[in-house]
């Protein structure tokens, strides 16, 4: 997964469908492995740009997920990719915490559309 693709998706320059198509093989692998207890799910990141995770980008990703335009598998994968990348930075601590909620449902619980709307609303109130 390219960091530039995450940025383009979060900025509205790449559609969720195009994003998921671009990453179809990695997302299919992730989906198949998530159902297997004890499996290791690889995260492949192409650090082609510096990626700033901002409140606006988190809110947009939450909106896409809450509307059903972006799958939970894609959301979790991009969150893992952003967190693992040395070229990712965060505009503030809350962005780190919110992004972490998108990942591993076994650790963080199921990320729901309702929670996505809560986060988007909270971030909109602070911008």
N, C-alpha and C. Protein backbone atom coordinates (compact mmCIF):
# COMPACT_ATOMS: atom_id res chain seq x y z
N UNK A 1 0.84 -1.16 0.00
CA UNK A 1 0.00 0.00 0.00
C UNK A 1 0.89 1.23 0.00
N UNK A 2 0.60 2.13 -0.88
CA UNK A 2 1.38 3.36 -0.99
C UNK A 2 0.84 4.43 -0.03
N UNK A 3 1.76 5.11 0.61
CA UNK A 3 1.34 6.23 1.46
C UNK A 3 0.66 7.31 0.62
N UNK A 4 1.11 7.49 -0.60
CA UNK A 4 0.48 8.49 -1.47
C UNK A 4 -0.97 8.13 -1.76
N UNK A 5 -1.29 6.86 -1.82
CA UNK A 5 -2.67 6.44 -2.05
C UNK A 5 -3.54 6.70 -0.83
N UNK A 6 -2.97 6.49 0.35
CA UNK A 6 -3.70 6.80 1.58
C UNK A 6 -4.02 8.30 1.62
N UNK A 7 -3.03 9.12 1.30
CA UNK A 7 -3.23 10.57 1.28
C UNK A 7 -4.28 10.96 0.25
N UNK A 8 -4.20 10.39 -0.93
CA UNK A 8 -5.16 10.72 -1.99
C UNK A 8 -6.58 10.32 -1.59
N UNK A 9 -6.72 9.16 -0.96
CA UNK A 9 -8.04 8.73 -0.48
C UNK A 9 -8.55 9.68 0.59
N UNK A 10 -7.71 9.98 1.56
CA UNK A 10 -8.12 10.84 2.68
C UNK A 10 -8.39 12.27 2.25
N UNK A 11 -7.82 12.69 1.12
CA UNK A 11 -8.04 14.05 0.62
C UNK A 11 -9.15 14.12 -0.43
N UNK A 12 -9.74 12.98 -0.78
CA UNK A 12 -10.82 12.96 -1.75
C UNK A 12 -10.37 12.95 -3.20
N UNK A 13 -9.09 12.67 -3.43
CA UNK A 13 -8.56 12.64 -4.80
C UNK A 13 -8.55 11.23 -5.40
N UNK A 14 -8.85 10.23 -4.58
CA UNK A 14 -8.91 8.84 -5.02
C UNK A 14 -10.17 8.24 -4.42
N UNK A 15 -10.98 7.62 -5.25
CA UNK A 15 -12.22 7.03 -4.76
C UNK A 15 -11.93 5.78 -3.92
N UNK A 16 -12.83 5.47 -2.99
CA UNK A 16 -12.63 4.25 -2.21
C UNK A 16 -12.55 3.00 -3.10
N UNK A 17 -13.36 2.96 -4.15
CA UNK A 17 -13.32 1.82 -5.06
C UNK A 17 -11.98 1.67 -5.74
N UNK A 18 -11.43 2.78 -6.21
CA UNK A 18 -10.12 2.76 -6.86
C UNK A 18 -9.04 2.38 -5.85
N UNK A 19 -9.15 2.88 -4.63
CA UNK A 19 -8.19 2.56 -3.57
C UNK A 19 -8.20 1.07 -3.28
N UNK A 20 -9.40 0.50 -3.13
CA UNK A 20 -9.50 -0.92 -2.82
C UNK A 20 -9.06 -1.78 -4.00
N UNK A 21 -9.33 -1.33 -5.22
CA UNK A 21 -8.87 -2.07 -6.41
C UNK A 21 -7.35 -2.08 -6.49
N UNK A 22 -6.75 -0.93 -6.22
CA UNK A 22 -5.29 -0.80 -6.25
C UNK A 22 -4.62 -1.73 -5.25
N UNK A 23 -5.31 -1.99 -4.15
CA UNK A 23 -4.75 -2.80 -3.07
C UNK A 23 -5.45 -4.14 -2.91
N UNK A 24 -6.11 -4.60 -3.95
CA UNK A 24 -6.96 -5.79 -3.88
C UNK A 24 -6.23 -7.03 -3.37
N UNK A 25 -5.04 -7.29 -3.86
CA UNK A 25 -4.32 -8.50 -3.45
C UNK A 25 -3.98 -8.47 -1.96
N UNK A 26 -3.47 -7.35 -1.48
CA UNK A 26 -3.13 -7.24 -0.05
C UNK A 26 -4.38 -7.31 0.82
N UNK A 27 -5.46 -6.70 0.39
CA UNK A 27 -6.69 -6.71 1.17
C UNK A 27 -7.30 -8.11 1.22
N UNK A 28 -7.25 -8.84 0.11
CA UNK A 28 -7.76 -10.21 0.08
C UNK A 28 -6.94 -11.11 1.01
N UNK A 29 -5.62 -10.94 0.98
CA UNK A 29 -4.76 -11.72 1.86
C UNK A 29 -5.08 -11.41 3.32
N UNK A 30 -5.23 -10.13 3.64
CA UNK A 30 -5.53 -9.73 5.01
C UNK A 30 -6.86 -10.32 5.47
N UNK A 31 -7.86 -10.24 4.62
CA UNK A 31 -9.19 -10.74 4.97
C UNK A 31 -9.14 -12.24 5.25
N UNK A 32 -8.41 -12.99 4.44
CA UNK A 32 -8.34 -14.43 4.64
C UNK A 32 -7.59 -14.79 5.91
N UNK A 33 -6.57 -14.02 6.27
CA UNK A 33 -5.77 -14.31 7.46
C UNK A 33 -6.42 -13.85 8.75
N UNK A 34 -7.27 -12.82 8.68
CA UNK A 34 -7.89 -12.31 9.90
C UNK A 34 -8.79 -13.34 10.56
N UNK A 35 -9.35 -14.23 9.78
CA UNK A 35 -10.24 -15.25 10.34
C UNK A 35 -9.52 -16.40 11.00
N UNK A 36 -8.21 -16.45 10.89
CA UNK A 36 -7.44 -17.56 11.43
C UNK A 36 -6.73 -17.13 12.71
N UNK A 37 -7.09 -17.76 13.82
CA UNK A 37 -6.46 -17.43 15.09
C UNK A 37 -4.96 -17.69 15.04
N UNK A 38 -4.19 -16.77 15.56
CA UNK A 38 -2.75 -16.92 15.65
C UNK A 38 -1.99 -16.63 14.36
N UNK A 39 -2.71 -16.22 13.32
CA UNK A 39 -2.01 -15.95 12.06
C UNK A 39 -1.33 -14.59 12.11
N UNK A 40 -0.28 -14.47 11.34
CA UNK A 40 0.44 -13.21 11.21
C UNK A 40 -0.02 -12.55 9.92
N UNK A 41 -0.48 -11.31 10.03
CA UNK A 41 -0.98 -10.60 8.87
C UNK A 41 0.08 -9.59 8.43
N UNK A 42 0.67 -9.82 7.25
CA UNK A 42 1.70 -8.90 6.79
C UNK A 42 1.11 -7.54 6.39
N UNK A 43 1.90 -6.51 6.59
CA UNK A 43 1.52 -5.16 6.16
C UNK A 43 2.64 -4.66 5.26
N UNK A 44 2.31 -4.48 4.00
CA UNK A 44 3.29 -4.01 3.02
C UNK A 44 3.06 -2.53 2.76
N UNK A 45 4.08 -1.73 3.03
CA UNK A 45 3.96 -0.28 2.89
C UNK A 45 5.01 0.22 1.90
N UNK A 46 4.55 1.00 0.93
CA UNK A 46 5.47 1.70 0.04
C UNK A 46 5.53 3.15 0.51
N UNK A 47 6.65 3.51 1.09
CA UNK A 47 6.81 4.84 1.67
C UNK A 47 7.26 5.81 0.58
N UNK A 48 6.34 6.12 -0.32
CA UNK A 48 6.68 6.95 -1.48
C UNK A 48 6.53 8.45 -1.23
N UNK A 49 5.90 8.83 -0.12
CA UNK A 49 5.75 10.24 0.26
C UNK A 49 5.74 10.32 1.79
N UNK A 50 5.89 11.54 2.30
CA UNK A 50 5.64 11.77 3.72
C UNK A 50 4.13 11.90 3.89
N UNK A 51 3.59 11.27 4.92
CA UNK A 51 2.15 11.26 5.15
C UNK A 51 1.83 11.92 6.49
N UNK A 52 1.06 12.99 6.44
CA UNK A 52 0.57 13.64 7.66
C UNK A 52 -0.84 13.14 7.93
N UNK A 53 -1.03 12.54 9.08
CA UNK A 53 -2.37 12.12 9.50
C UNK A 53 -2.95 13.25 10.33
N UNK A 54 -3.89 13.94 9.74
CA UNK A 54 -4.51 15.10 10.38
C UNK A 54 -5.95 14.78 10.79
N UNK A 55 -6.52 15.66 11.57
CA UNK A 55 -7.91 15.50 11.99
C UNK A 55 -8.84 15.46 10.77
N UNK A 56 -8.59 16.31 9.79
CA UNK A 56 -9.43 16.33 8.59
C UNK A 56 -9.35 15.01 7.83
N UNK A 57 -8.17 14.44 7.75
CA UNK A 57 -8.02 13.16 7.05
C UNK A 57 -8.68 12.02 7.83
N UNK A 58 -8.53 12.02 9.14
CA UNK A 58 -9.21 11.01 9.96
C UNK A 58 -10.72 11.13 9.79
N UNK A 59 -11.23 12.34 9.83
CA UNK A 59 -12.67 12.56 9.68
C UNK A 59 -13.17 12.06 8.33
N UNK A 60 -12.42 12.32 7.28
CA UNK A 60 -12.82 11.85 5.94
C UNK A 60 -12.84 10.33 5.88
N UNK A 61 -11.82 9.69 6.42
CA UNK A 61 -11.80 8.23 6.44
C UNK A 61 -12.98 7.66 7.23
N UNK A 62 -13.30 8.30 8.35
CA UNK A 62 -14.45 7.88 9.14
C UNK A 62 -15.74 8.04 8.34
N UNK A 63 -15.89 9.15 7.64
CA UNK A 63 -17.07 9.37 6.81
C UNK A 63 -17.20 8.31 5.73
N UNK A 64 -16.09 7.99 5.07
CA UNK A 64 -16.12 6.97 4.01
C UNK A 64 -16.55 5.62 4.57
N UNK A 65 -16.02 5.27 5.73
CA UNK A 65 -16.37 4.00 6.36
C UNK A 65 -17.83 4.00 6.83
N UNK A 66 -18.25 5.07 7.48
CA UNK A 66 -19.61 5.15 8.01
C UNK A 66 -20.66 5.07 6.91
N UNK A 67 -20.34 5.60 5.73
CA UNK A 67 -21.27 5.55 4.59
C UNK A 67 -21.24 4.21 3.88
N UNK A 68 -20.28 3.36 4.24
CA UNK A 68 -20.17 2.06 3.59
C UNK A 68 -19.37 2.10 2.30
N UNK A 69 -18.67 3.21 2.06
CA UNK A 69 -17.87 3.35 0.84
C UNK A 69 -16.49 2.70 0.96
N UNK A 70 -16.01 2.51 2.19
CA UNK A 70 -14.70 1.94 2.45
C UNK A 70 -14.88 0.76 3.40
N UNK A 71 -14.31 -0.38 3.04
CA UNK A 71 -14.47 -1.57 3.88
C UNK A 71 -13.62 -1.48 5.15
N UNK A 72 -14.02 -2.24 6.14
CA UNK A 72 -13.27 -2.28 7.39
C UNK A 72 -11.88 -2.89 7.16
N UNK A 73 -11.78 -3.82 6.22
CA UNK A 73 -10.49 -4.42 5.92
C UNK A 73 -9.54 -3.37 5.36
N UNK A 74 -10.03 -2.54 4.44
CA UNK A 74 -9.19 -1.48 3.87
C UNK A 74 -8.84 -0.43 4.92
N UNK A 75 -9.80 -0.07 5.74
CA UNK A 75 -9.56 0.93 6.79
C UNK A 75 -8.50 0.43 7.77
N UNK A 76 -8.62 -0.82 8.20
CA UNK A 76 -7.65 -1.38 9.15
C UNK A 76 -6.27 -1.50 8.52
N UNK A 77 -6.23 -1.90 7.26
CA UNK A 77 -4.93 -2.06 6.59
C UNK A 77 -4.23 -0.70 6.45
N UNK A 78 -4.97 0.31 6.02
CA UNK A 78 -4.33 1.62 5.85
C UNK A 78 -3.89 2.19 7.18
N UNK A 79 -4.64 1.91 8.24
CA UNK A 79 -4.23 2.37 9.57
C UNK A 79 -2.93 1.70 9.99
N UNK A 80 -2.85 0.39 9.77
CA UNK A 80 -1.61 -0.32 10.11
C UNK A 80 -0.44 0.21 9.29
N UNK A 81 -0.67 0.42 8.00
CA UNK A 81 0.39 0.93 7.12
C UNK A 81 0.88 2.29 7.61
N UNK A 82 -0.05 3.17 7.95
CA UNK A 82 0.32 4.51 8.42
C UNK A 82 1.07 4.44 9.74
N UNK A 83 0.63 3.57 10.64
CA UNK A 83 1.28 3.47 11.94
C UNK A 83 2.67 2.86 11.85
N UNK A 84 2.89 1.96 10.91
CA UNK A 84 4.18 1.30 10.78
C UNK A 84 5.21 2.10 9.99
N UNK A 85 4.74 3.04 9.22
CA UNK A 85 5.64 3.80 8.35
C UNK A 85 6.47 4.81 9.13
N UNK A 86 7.73 4.89 8.77
CA UNK A 86 8.61 5.90 9.36
C UNK A 86 8.36 7.28 8.75
N UNK A 87 7.61 7.32 7.65
CA UNK A 87 7.35 8.59 6.99
C UNK A 87 5.98 9.15 7.33
N UNK A 88 5.30 8.56 8.31
CA UNK A 88 4.01 9.08 8.77
C UNK A 88 4.21 9.94 10.00
N UNK A 89 3.49 11.06 10.03
CA UNK A 89 3.46 11.91 11.21
C UNK A 89 2.00 12.22 11.53
N UNK A 90 1.77 12.69 12.73
CA UNK A 90 0.41 12.94 13.20
C UNK A 90 0.31 14.38 13.67
N UNK A 91 -0.80 15.02 13.32
CA UNK A 91 -0.94 16.43 13.68
C UNK A 91 -1.14 16.62 15.17
N UNK A 92 -1.69 15.62 15.85
CA UNK A 92 -1.80 15.67 17.31
C UNK A 92 -2.07 14.28 17.86
N UNK A 93 -2.01 14.18 19.16
CA UNK A 93 -2.15 12.89 19.86
C UNK A 93 -3.49 12.21 19.58
N UNK A 94 -4.55 12.98 19.45
CA UNK A 94 -5.87 12.37 19.21
C UNK A 94 -5.90 11.63 17.88
N UNK A 95 -5.16 12.11 16.90
CA UNK A 95 -5.12 11.42 15.60
C UNK A 95 -4.47 10.05 15.73
N UNK A 96 -3.47 9.94 16.57
CA UNK A 96 -2.82 8.65 16.82
C UNK A 96 -3.83 7.70 17.46
N UNK A 97 -4.55 8.19 18.45
CA UNK A 97 -5.52 7.36 19.16
C UNK A 97 -6.67 6.92 18.25
N UNK A 98 -7.20 7.86 17.46
CA UNK A 98 -8.30 7.51 16.56
C UNK A 98 -7.86 6.51 15.50
N UNK A 99 -6.69 6.72 14.92
CA UNK A 99 -6.20 5.80 13.90
C UNK A 99 -6.02 4.39 14.49
N UNK A 100 -5.57 4.32 15.71
CA UNK A 100 -5.38 3.02 16.36
C UNK A 100 -6.70 2.27 16.51
N UNK A 101 -7.80 2.99 16.64
CA UNK A 101 -9.11 2.33 16.76
C UNK A 101 -9.50 1.59 15.49
N UNK A 102 -8.95 2.00 14.34
CA UNK A 102 -9.31 1.37 13.06
C UNK A 102 -8.71 -0.02 12.92
N UNK A 103 -7.70 -0.34 13.71
CA UNK A 103 -6.94 -1.57 13.50
C UNK A 103 -7.52 -2.75 14.26
N UNK A 104 -6.83 -3.83 14.23
CA UNK A 104 -7.13 -5.14 14.78
C UNK A 104 -8.36 -5.23 15.70
N UNK A 105 -9.46 -5.79 15.20
CA UNK A 105 -10.67 -5.91 16.03
C UNK A 105 -10.50 -6.84 17.22
N UNK A 106 -9.54 -7.77 17.17
CA UNK A 106 -9.31 -8.65 18.32
C UNK A 106 -8.72 -7.87 19.48
N UNK A 107 -8.00 -6.81 19.19
CA UNK A 107 -7.38 -6.00 20.24
C UNK A 107 -8.30 -4.85 20.63
N UNK A 108 -8.83 -4.14 19.64
CA UNK A 108 -9.58 -2.91 19.89
C UNK A 108 -11.10 -3.08 19.86
N UNK A 109 -11.57 -4.27 19.54
CA UNK A 109 -13.00 -4.47 19.36
C UNK A 109 -13.41 -4.06 17.95
N UNK A 110 -14.63 -4.35 17.63
CA UNK A 110 -15.15 -4.05 16.29
C UNK A 110 -15.32 -2.54 16.15
N UNK A 111 -14.78 -1.98 15.08
CA UNK A 111 -14.94 -0.56 14.80
C UNK A 111 -16.25 -0.41 14.02
N UNK A 112 -17.19 0.30 14.58
CA UNK A 112 -18.52 0.40 13.99
C UNK A 112 -18.71 1.70 13.22
N UNK A 113 -19.72 1.70 12.38
CA UNK A 113 -20.09 2.91 11.65
C UNK A 113 -20.51 4.00 12.64
N UNK A 114 -21.19 3.62 13.71
CA UNK A 114 -21.60 4.59 14.72
C UNK A 114 -20.38 5.25 15.36
N UNK A 115 -19.37 4.46 15.67
CA UNK A 115 -18.14 5.03 16.25
C UNK A 115 -17.44 5.93 15.25
N UNK A 116 -17.44 5.54 13.99
CA UNK A 116 -16.83 6.37 12.94
C UNK A 116 -17.54 7.72 12.88
N UNK A 117 -18.86 7.73 12.95
CA UNK A 117 -19.61 8.99 12.93
C UNK A 117 -19.29 9.84 14.16
N UNK A 118 -19.15 9.19 15.34
CA UNK A 118 -18.78 9.92 16.57
C UNK A 118 -17.43 10.63 16.40
N UNK A 119 -16.46 9.91 15.87
CA UNK A 119 -15.13 10.49 15.69
C UNK A 119 -15.19 11.64 14.70
N UNK A 120 -15.85 11.44 13.57
CA UNK A 120 -15.96 12.50 12.55
C UNK A 120 -16.64 13.73 13.14
N UNK A 121 -17.68 13.52 13.93
CA UNK A 121 -18.39 14.64 14.55
C UNK A 121 -17.49 15.36 15.57
N UNK A 122 -16.79 14.61 16.37
CA UNK A 122 -15.89 15.20 17.38
C UNK A 122 -14.79 16.01 16.71
N UNK A 123 -14.24 15.48 15.63
CA UNK A 123 -13.18 16.20 14.93
C UNK A 123 -13.70 17.45 14.22
N UNK A 124 -14.90 17.38 13.69
CA UNK A 124 -15.49 18.54 13.03
C UNK A 124 -15.73 19.67 14.04
N UNK A 125 -16.06 19.31 15.26
CA UNK A 125 -16.32 20.30 16.30
C UNK A 125 -15.05 21.03 16.71
N UNK A 126 -13.88 20.42 16.49
CA UNK A 126 -12.61 21.00 16.91
C UNK A 126 -11.82 21.66 15.78
N UNK A 127 -12.39 21.66 14.57
CA UNK A 127 -11.65 22.28 13.45
C UNK A 127 -12.28 23.58 13.03
